[in-house]
Every structure is written in structure tokens, then in C-alpha cells.
Amino acid sequence: MIFPRNENYFLIRVYFLGLENFAIVFSLEFLFISLDIKIFFILTHYIHRKEKDGDIYVSYIKSRV
């Protein structure tokens, strides 16, 4: 997964492992903009991991609250 990275961006990810090929990731993302206004939103990623030849293919759904 690729997340935008810059000096005003901070990301915390908490992983909860479920079934053997299923994981749920709750991401708390804090985006600090130049006006010092804090925008808080929660992203929920449903990660389906498919392993093939040692590679992990990840597909996810982002829910923004």
C-alpha cells in the first residue's frame, strides 16, 4: 500500500489479524495543514492477502468517516 508522505502527515496503523488470509487494519490518520487546523479521520482497510511465490498481493477498501 502506498500512502502519501510529507512533513505534515502522520499515520498510525493498528493491525488486527483475523482469518488466515484476511486482516483488518484500522488506520488513524492525522493530517495537519498549514493553517494549524487538525483534520482527524479514520480509515478502515479490509486487506485480503493472497500469497503467490512469496509475493503478497493486497486489495483493500477504504472507508472514510
PDB file of N, CA and C in Angstrom:
ATOM      1  N   MET A   1       0.841  -1.188   0.000  1.00  0.00           N
ATOM      2  CA  MET A   1       0.000   0.000   0.000  1.00  0.00           C
ATOM      3  C   MET A   1       0.874   1.236   0.000  1.00  0.00           C
ATOM      4  N   ILE A   2       0.439   2.209  -0.725  1.00  0.00           N
ATOM      5  CA  ILE A   2       1.192   3.453  -0.815  1.00  0.00           C
ATOM      6  C   ILE A   2       0.365   4.559  -0.174  1.00  0.00           C
ATOM      7  N   PHE A   3       0.940   5.215   0.808  1.00  0.00           N
ATOM      8  CA  PHE A   3       0.290   6.328   1.470  1.00  0.00           C
ATOM      9  C   PHE A   3       1.057   7.600   1.146  1.00  0.00           C
ATOM     10  N   PRO A   4       0.371   8.714   1.017  1.00  0.00           N
ATOM     11  CA  PRO A   4       1.093   9.969   0.769  1.00  0.00           C
ATOM     12  C   PRO A   4       1.962  10.334   1.962  1.00  0.00           C
ATOM     13  N   ARG A   5       3.159  10.752   1.691  1.00  0.00           N
ATOM     14  CA  ARG A   5       4.081  11.114   2.769  1.00  0.00           C
ATOM     15  C   ARG A   5       4.565  12.539   2.545  1.00  0.00           C
ATOM     16  N   ASN A   6       4.427  13.340   3.545  1.00  0.00           N
ATOM     17  CA  ASN A   6       5.042  14.660   3.535  1.00  0.00           C
ATOM     18  C   ASN A   6       5.280  15.081   4.976  1.00  0.00           C
ATOM     19  N   GLU A   7       5.849  16.255   5.165  1.00  0.00           N
ATOM     20  CA  GLU A   7       6.248  16.676   6.505  1.00  0.00           C
ATOM     21  C   GLU A   7       5.060  16.969   7.409  1.00  0.00           C
ATOM     22  N   ASN A   8       3.861  17.156   6.848  1.00  0.00           N
ATOM     23  CA  ASN A   8       2.685  17.479   7.648  1.00  0.00           C
ATOM     24  C   ASN A   8       1.750  16.287   7.811  1.00  0.00           C
ATOM     25  N   TYR A   9       2.254  15.108   7.561  1.00  0.00           N
ATOM     26  CA  TYR A   9       1.390  13.928   7.545  1.00  0.00           C
ATOM     27  C   TYR A   9       1.882  12.917   8.571  1.00  0.00           C
ATOM     28  N   PHE A  10       0.953  12.407   9.364  1.00  0.00           N
ATOM     29  CA  PHE A  10       1.307  11.446  10.411  1.00  0.00           C
ATOM     30  C   PHE A  10       0.307  10.302  10.371  1.00  0.00           C
ATOM     31  N   LEU A  11       0.789   9.089  10.396  1.00  0.00           N
ATOM     32  CA  LEU A  11      -0.081   7.933  10.236  1.00  0.00           C
ATOM     33  C   LEU A  11       0.198   6.903  11.322  1.00  0.00           C
ATOM     34  N   ILE A  12      -0.879   6.425  11.947  1.00  0.00           N
ATOM     35  CA  ILE A  12      -0.779   5.338  12.916  1.00  0.00           C
ATOM     36  C   ILE A  12      -1.635   4.186  12.390  1.00  0.00           C
ATOM     37  N   ARG A  13      -1.040   3.011  12.321  1.00  0.00           N
ATOM     38  CA  ARG A  13      -1.793   1.855  11.863  1.00  0.00           C
ATOM     39  C   ARG A  13      -1.799   0.776  12.943  1.00  0.00           C
ATOM     40  N   VAL A  14      -2.972   0.228  13.197  1.00  0.00           N
ATOM     41  CA  VAL A  14      -3.120  -0.846  14.174  1.00  0.00           C
ATOM     42  C   VAL A  14      -3.679  -2.059  13.434  1.00  0.00           C
ATOM     43  N   TYR A  15      -2.988  -3.168  13.532  1.00  0.00           N
ATOM     44  CA  TYR A  15      -3.357  -4.358  12.785  1.00  0.00           C
ATOM     45  C   TYR A  15      -4.072  -5.364  13.682  1.00  0.00           C
ATOM     46  N   PHE A  16      -5.172  -5.875  13.193  1.00  0.00           N
ATOM     47  CA  PHE A  16      -5.878  -6.953  13.858  1.00  0.00           C
ATOM     48  C   PHE A  16      -5.942  -8.124  12.881  1.00  0.00           C
ATOM     49  N   LEU A  17      -5.263  -9.201  13.203  1.00  0.00           N
ATOM     50  CA  LEU A  17      -5.259 -10.356  12.317  1.00  0.00           C
ATOM     51  C   LEU A  17      -6.496 -11.199  12.589  1.00  0.00           C
ATOM     52  N   GLY A  18      -7.170 -11.554  11.512  1.00  0.00           N
ATOM     53  CA  GLY A  18      -8.375 -12.347  11.650  1.00  0.00           C
ATOM     54  C   GLY A  18      -8.161 -13.739  11.103  1.00  0.00           C
ATOM     55  N   LEU A  19      -8.858 -14.077  10.021  1.00  0.00           N
ATOM     56  CA  LEU A  19      -8.689 -15.376   9.403  1.00  0.00           C
ATOM     57  C   LEU A  19      -7.309 -15.471   8.781  1.00  0.00           C
ATOM     58  N   GLU A  20      -6.940 -16.653   8.325  1.00  0.00           N
ATOM     59  CA  GLU A  20      -5.569 -16.867   7.874  1.00  0.00           C
ATOM     60  C   GLU A  20      -5.207 -16.023   6.651  1.00  0.00           C
ATOM     61  N   ASN A  21      -6.176 -15.703   5.792  1.00  0.00           N
ATOM     62  CA  ASN A  21      -5.888 -14.876   4.623  1.00  0.00           C
ATOM     63  C   ASN A  21      -6.653 -13.559   4.672  1.00  0.00           C
ATOM     64  N   PHE A  22      -6.996 -13.116   5.861  1.00  0.00           N
ATOM     65  CA  PHE A  22      -7.803 -11.901   5.987  1.00  0.00           C
ATOM     66  C   PHE A  22      -7.290 -11.088   7.166  1.00  0.00           C
ATOM     67  N   ALA A  23      -7.161  -9.830   6.969  1.00  0.00           N
ATOM     68  CA  ALA A  23      -6.730  -8.946   8.054  1.00  0.00           C
ATOM     69  C   ALA A  23      -7.514  -7.648   7.971  1.00  0.00           C
ATOM     70  N   ILE A  24      -7.777  -7.063   9.111  1.00  0.00           N
ATOM     71  CA  ILE A  24      -8.452  -5.764   9.165  1.00  0.00           C
ATOM     72  C   ILE A  24      -7.478  -4.754   9.745  1.00  0.00           C
ATOM     73  N   VAL A  25      -7.324  -3.653   9.059  1.00  0.00           N
ATOM     74  CA  VAL A  25      -6.406  -2.620   9.504  1.00  0.00           C
ATOM     75  C   VAL A  25      -7.211  -1.366   9.813  1.00  0.00           C
ATOM     76  N   PHE A  26      -7.103  -0.909  11.031  1.00  0.00           N
ATOM     77  CA  PHE A  26      -7.712   0.355  11.408  1.00  0.00           C
ATOM     78  C   PHE A  26      -6.621   1.418  11.387  1.00  0.00           C
ATOM     79  N   SER A  27      -6.780   2.401  10.541  1.00  0.00           N
ATOM     80  CA  SER A  27      -5.769   3.441  10.414  1.00  0.00           C
ATOM     81  C   SER A  27      -6.314   4.746  10.973  1.00  0.00           C
ATOM     82  N   LEU A  28      -5.563   5.307  11.869  1.00  0.00           N
ATOM     83  CA  LEU A  28      -5.888   6.627  12.392  1.00  0.00           C
ATOM     84  C   LEU A  28      -4.936   7.603  11.731  1.00  0.00           C
ATOM     85  N   GLU A  29      -5.482   8.470  10.922  1.00  0.00           N
ATOM     86  CA  GLU A  29      -4.640   9.378  10.170  1.00  0.00           C
ATOM     87  C   GLU A  29      -4.889  10.810  10.632  1.00  0.00           C
ATOM     88  N   PHE A  30      -3.826  11.475  10.937  1.00  0.00           N
ATOM     89  CA  PHE A  30      -3.884  12.864  11.355  1.00  0.00           C
ATOM     90  C   PHE A  30      -3.233  13.704  10.262  1.00  0.00           C
ATOM     91  N   LEU A  31      -3.981  14.600   9.695  1.00  0.00           N
ATOM     92  CA  LEU A  31      -3.467  15.439   8.630  1.00  0.00           C
ATOM     93  C   LEU A  31      -3.410  16.870   9.150  1.00  0.00           C
ATOM     94  N   PHE A  32      -2.218  17.406   9.235  1.00  0.00           N
ATOM     95  CA  PHE A  32      -2.024  18.751   9.739  1.00  0.00           C
ATOM     96  C   PHE A  32      -1.763  19.675   8.553  1.00  0.00           C
ATOM     97  N   ILE A  33      -2.662  20.620   8.340  1.00  0.00           N
ATOM     98  CA  ILE A  33      -2.482  21.532   7.221  1.00  0.00           C
ATOM     99  C   ILE A  33      -1.813  22.808   7.703  1.00  0.00           C
ATOM    100  N   SER A  34      -1.440  23.671   6.760  1.00  0.00           N
ATOM    101  CA  SER A  34      -0.610  24.831   7.081  1.00  0.00           C
ATOM    102  C   SER A  34      -1.308  25.840   7.992  1.00  0.00           C
ATOM    103  N   LEU A  35      -2.639  25.786   8.079  1.00  0.00           N
ATOM    104  CA  LEU A  35      -3.362  26.731   8.937  1.00  0.00           C
ATOM    105  C   LEU A  35      -3.497  26.219  10.366  1.00  0.00           C
ATOM    106  N   ASP A  36      -2.766  25.152  10.699  1.00  0.00           N
ATOM    107  CA  ASP A  36      -2.810  24.535  12.029  1.00  0.00           C
ATOM    108  C   ASP A  36      -4.192  24.021  12.398  1.00  0.00           C
ATOM    109  N   ILE A  37      -4.976  23.679  11.395  1.00  0.00           N
ATOM    110  CA  ILE A  37      -6.275  23.054  11.645  1.00  0.00           C
ATOM    111  C   ILE A  37      -6.077  21.550  11.572  1.00  0.00           C
ATOM    112  N   LYS A  38      -6.481  20.856  12.607  1.00  0.00           N
ATOM    113  CA  LYS A  38      -6.286  19.418  12.650  1.00  0.00           C
ATOM    114  C   LYS A  38      -7.510  18.709  12.076  1.00  0.00           C
ATOM    115  N   ILE A  39      -7.272  17.915  11.090  1.00  0.00           N
ATOM    116  CA  ILE A  39      -8.334  17.120  10.490  1.00  0.00           C
ATOM    117  C   ILE A  39      -8.113  15.670  10.903  1.00  0.00           C
ATOM    118  N   PHE A  40      -9.105  15.099  11.552  1.00  0.00           N
ATOM    119  CA  PHE A  40      -8.993  13.736  12.049  1.00  0.00           C
ATOM    120  C   PHE A  40     -10.001  12.861  11.327  1.00  0.00           C
ATOM    121  N   PHE A  41      -9.530  11.794  10.752  1.00  0.00           N
ATOM    122  CA  PHE A  41     -10.448  10.848  10.150  1.00  0.00           C
ATOM    123  C   PHE A  41      -9.900   9.438  10.297  1.00  0.00           C
ATOM    124  N   ILE A  42     -10.812   8.485  10.252  1.00  0.00           N
ATOM    125  CA  ILE A  42     -10.467   7.082  10.459  1.00  0.00           C
ATOM    126  C   ILE A  42     -10.641   6.344   9.141  1.00  0.00           C
ATOM    127  N   LEU A  43      -9.618   5.619   8.762  1.00  0.00           N
ATOM    128  CA  LEU A  43      -9.703   4.780   7.580  1.00  0.00           C
ATOM    129  C   LEU A  43      -9.706   3.322   8.020  1.00  0.00           C
ATOM    130  N   THR A  44     -10.631   2.580   7.493  1.00  0.00           N
ATOM    131  CA  THR A  44     -10.690   1.153   7.767  1.00  0.00           C
ATOM    132  C   THR A  44     -10.317   0.417   6.495  1.00  0.00           C
ATOM    133  N   HIS A  45      -9.288  -0.367   6.580  1.00  0.00           N
ATOM    134  CA  HIS A  45      -8.812  -1.106   5.423  1.00  0.00           C
ATOM    135  C   HIS A  45      -9.123  -2.583   5.627  1.00  0.00           C
ATOM    136  N   TYR A  46      -9.845  -3.142   4.695  1.00  0.00           N
ATOM    137  CA  TYR A  46     -10.074  -4.575   4.702  1.00  0.00           C
ATOM    138  C   TYR A  46      -9.066  -5.184   3.738  1.00  0.00           C
ATOM    139  N   ILE A  47      -8.109  -5.893   4.260  1.00  0.00           N
ATOM    140  CA  ILE A  47      -6.999  -6.382   3.453  1.00  0.00           C
ATOM    141  C   ILE A  47      -7.176  -7.869   3.196  1.00  0.00           C
ATOM    142  N   HIS A  48      -7.225  -8.210   1.939  1.00  0.00           N
ATOM    143  CA  HIS A  48      -7.270  -9.604   1.538  1.00  0.00           C
ATOM    144  C   HIS A  48      -5.894  -9.960   0.998  1.00  0.00           C
ATOM    145  N   ARG A  49      -5.202 -10.827   1.697  1.00  0.00           N
ATOM    146  CA  ARG A  49      -3.843 -11.157   1.304  1.00  0.00           C
ATOM    147  C   ARG A  49      -3.850 -12.446   0.490  1.00  0.00           C
ATOM    148  N   LYS A  50      -3.235 -12.364  -0.662  1.00  0.00           N
ATOM    149  CA  LYS A  50      -3.087 -13.545  -1.498  1.00  0.00           C
ATOM    150  C   LYS A  50      -1.602 -13.744  -1.734  1.00  0.00           C
ATOM    151  N   GLU A  51      -1.104 -14.859  -1.268  1.00  0.00           N
ATOM    152  CA  GLU A  51       0.322 -15.117  -1.402  1.00  0.00           C
ATOM    153  C   GLU A  51       0.569 -16.029  -2.595  1.00  0.00           C
ATOM    154  N   LYS A  52       1.510 -15.631  -3.423  1.00  0.00           N
ATOM    155  CA  LYS A  52       1.874 -16.427  -4.590  1.00  0.00           C
ATOM    156  C   LYS A  52       3.366 -16.276  -4.809  1.00  0.00           C
ATOM    157  N   ASP A  53       4.073 -17.372  -4.750  1.00  0.00           N
ATOM    158  CA  ASP A  53       5.520 -17.381  -4.963  1.00  0.00           C
ATOM    159  C   ASP A  53       6.241 -16.424  -4.016  1.00  0.00           C
ATOM    160  N   GLY A  54       5.754 -16.334  -2.779  1.00  0.00           N
ATOM    161  CA  GLY A  54       6.396 -15.472  -1.798  1.00  0.00           C
ATOM    162  C   GLY A  54       5.972 -14.022  -1.865  1.00  0.00           C
ATOM    163  N   ASP A  55       5.194 -13.646  -2.888  1.00  0.00           N
ATOM    164  CA  ASP A  55       4.720 -12.269  -3.007  1.00  0.00           C
ATOM    165  C   ASP A  55       3.337 -12.165  -2.379  1.00  0.00           C
ATOM    166  N   ILE A  56       3.037 -11.010  -1.823  1.00  0.00           N
ATOM    167  CA  ILE A  56       1.732 -10.769  -1.216  1.00  0.00           C
ATOM    168  C   ILE A  56       1.014  -9.708  -2.041  1.00  0.00           C
ATOM    169  N   TYR A  57      -0.147 -10.073  -2.564  1.00  0.00           N
ATOM    170  CA  TYR A  57      -0.962  -9.137  -3.321  1.00  0.00           C
ATOM    171  C   TYR A  57      -2.058  -8.622  -2.396  1.00  0.00           C
ATOM    172  N   VAL A  58      -2.187  -7.324  -2.291  1.00  0.00           N
ATOM    173  CA  VAL A  58      -3.098  -6.718  -1.319  1.00  0.00           C
ATOM    174  C   VAL A  58      -4.154  -5.899  -2.046  1.00  0.00           C
ATOM    175  N   SER A  59      -5.411  -6.158  -1.719  1.00  0.00           N
ATOM    176  CA  SER A  59      -6.503  -5.307  -2.170  1.00  0.00           C
ATOM    177  C   SER A  59      -7.237  -4.827  -0.928  1.00  0.00           C
ATOM    178  N   TYR A  60      -7.712  -3.601  -0.942  1.00  0.00           N
ATOM    179  CA  TYR A  60      -8.322  -3.068   0.268  1.00  0.00           C
ATOM    180  C   TYR A  60      -9.450  -2.109  -0.072  1.00  0.00           C
ATOM    181  N   ILE A  61     -10.310  -1.898   0.917  1.00  0.00           N
ATOM    182  CA  ILE A  61     -11.421  -0.957   0.815  1.00  0.00           C
ATOM    183  C   ILE A  61     -11.195   0.119   1.862  1.00  0.00           C
ATOM    184  N   LYS A  62     -11.219   1.386   1.446  1.00  0.00           N
ATOM    185  CA  LYS A  62     -11.050   2.477   2.405  1.00  0.00           C
ATOM    186  C   LYS A  62     -12.415   3.084   2.722  1.00  0.00           C
ATOM    187  N   SER A  63     -12.719   3.171   3.995  1.00  0.00           N
ATOM    188  CA  SER A  63     -13.940   3.823   4.448  1.00  0.00           C
ATOM    189  C   SER A  63     -13.546   5.062   5.229  1.00  0.00           C
ATOM    190  N   ARG A  64     -13.940   6.218   4.750  1.00  0.00           N
ATOM    191  CA  ARG A  64     -13.587   7.460   5.429  1.00  0.00           C
ATOM    192  C   ARG A  64     -14.769   7.945   6.247  1.00  0.00           C
ATOM    193  N   VAL A  65     -14.537   8.149   7.533  1.00  0.00           N
ATOM    194  CA  VAL A  65     -15.599   8.590   8.444  1.00  0.00           C
ATOM    195  C   VAL A  65     -15.315  10.016   8.854  1.00  0.00           C
TER     196      VAL A  65
END
